[in-house]
């Protein structure tokens, strides 16, 4: 299993983007979370196999109706066991 952090920029808050990411992740069999960041981006952390992570990145670049994606930055991440059992929407602030 691999883990990735995706940082999605553009008009991604207030358009249902985190819920879109959650549905996409569950559809790809991924675990992790989606959360809004204070700078206007959405962070998506996902754990799964390479093919599912690549498909997720494609979905994130497309986004839901109403979103305007300008960039999807990707970083390798460590697999965190506390997120290995499902995909949640986090609220930090």
Protein backbone atom coordinates (compact mmCIF):
# COMPACT_ATOMS: atom_id res chain seq x y z
CA UNK A 1 0.00 0.00 0.00
CA UNK A 2 1.06 3.52 -0.76
CA UNK A 3 -0.07 6.87 0.56
CA UNK A 4 -0.28 10.25 -1.15
CA UNK A 5 -1.26 13.77 -0.20
CA UNK A 6 -2.97 15.81 -2.88
CA UNK A 7 -3.32 19.57 -2.56
CA UNK A 8 -6.06 20.85 -4.83
CA UNK A 9 -6.13 24.54 -5.77
CA UNK A 10 -8.76 26.67 -7.42
CA UNK A 11 -12.42 27.14 -6.57
CA UNK A 12 -12.65 24.03 -4.38
CA UNK A 13 -14.28 25.21 -1.16
CA UNK A 14 -18.02 25.73 -0.89
CA UNK A 15 -18.76 23.51 -3.93
CA UNK A 16 -18.99 20.06 -2.32
CA UNK A 17 -15.43 19.16 -3.24
CA UNK A 18 -14.65 17.18 -0.05
CA UNK A 19 -17.79 15.08 -0.49
CA UNK A 20 -16.88 14.51 -4.14
CA UNK A 21 -13.41 13.37 -3.03
CA UNK A 22 -14.93 11.04 -0.44
CA UNK A 23 -17.22 9.39 -3.01
CA UNK A 24 -14.33 9.02 -5.47
CA UNK A 25 -12.05 7.53 -2.83
CA UNK A 26 -14.64 5.00 -1.70
CA UNK A 27 -15.25 4.09 -5.34
CA UNK A 28 -11.54 3.40 -5.81
CA UNK A 29 -11.25 1.46 -2.54
CA UNK A 30 -9.04 4.11 -0.92
CA UNK A 31 -8.83 5.13 2.73
CA UNK A 32 -7.85 8.54 4.10
CA UNK A 33 -9.43 11.97 4.44
CA UNK A 34 -10.32 15.23 2.75
CA UNK A 35 -10.21 18.59 4.49
CA UNK A 36 -10.35 22.29 3.72
CA UNK A 37 -7.18 24.26 4.31
CA UNK A 38 -7.13 27.84 5.54
CA UNK A 39 -5.42 29.00 2.33
CA UNK A 40 -8.41 27.96 0.20
CA UNK A 41 -7.06 24.61 -1.01
CA UNK A 42 -8.39 21.16 -0.21
CA UNK A 43 -6.02 18.48 1.09
CA UNK A 44 -6.80 14.88 0.21
CA UNK A 45 -4.80 12.13 1.91
CA UNK A 46 -5.28 8.69 0.38
CA UNK A 47 -3.97 5.19 1.08
CA UNK A 48 -4.23 2.42 -1.51
CA UNK A 49 -2.56 0.77 -4.46
CA UNK A 50 -0.80 2.71 -7.21
CA UNK A 51 -3.55 2.28 -9.81
CA UNK A 52 -6.27 3.49 -7.44
CA UNK A 53 -4.18 6.51 -6.40
CA UNK A 54 -3.58 7.42 -10.06
CA UNK A 55 -7.31 7.17 -10.78
CA UNK A 56 -8.03 9.31 -7.73
CA UNK A 57 -5.65 12.01 -8.94
CA UNK A 58 -7.52 12.11 -12.26
CA UNK A 59 -10.84 12.47 -10.44
CA UNK A 60 -9.43 15.24 -8.23
CA UNK A 61 -8.26 17.15 -11.32
CA UNK A 62 -11.79 16.94 -12.75
CA UNK A 63 -13.68 17.77 -9.55
CA UNK A 64 -17.44 18.17 -9.06
CA UNK A 65 -19.73 20.45 -11.04
CA UNK A 66 -19.13 24.00 -9.81
CA UNK A 67 -15.46 23.51 -8.94
CA UNK A 68 -12.68 25.12 -10.96
CA UNK A 69 -9.45 23.19 -10.48
CA UNK A 70 -6.24 25.09 -11.26
CA UNK A 71 -3.70 22.62 -9.84
CA UNK A 72 -3.36 19.24 -8.13
CA UNK A 73 -0.01 18.96 -6.33
CA UNK A 74 0.96 15.48 -5.17
CA UNK A 75 3.35 14.38 -2.43
CA UNK A 76 4.38 10.93 -1.29
CA UNK A 77 3.29 10.31 2.30
CA UNK A 78 3.66 7.71 5.02
CA UNK A 79 0.70 5.38 5.49
CA UNK A 80 -0.92 6.44 8.77
CA UNK A 81 -2.69 3.49 10.43
CA UNK A 82 -5.41 5.69 11.97
CA UNK A 83 -6.73 6.43 8.45
CA UNK A 84 -6.46 2.88 7.10
CA UNK A 85 -10.04 1.82 7.76
CA UNK A 86 -12.16 4.26 5.78
CA UNK A 87 -12.35 7.69 4.18
CA UNK A 88 -13.52 10.64 6.29
CA UNK A 89 -14.06 14.35 5.97
CA UNK A 90 -11.95 16.18 8.54
CA UNK A 91 -12.68 19.54 10.12
CA UNK A 92 -9.63 21.33 11.51
CA UNK A 93 -11.08 24.79 11.92
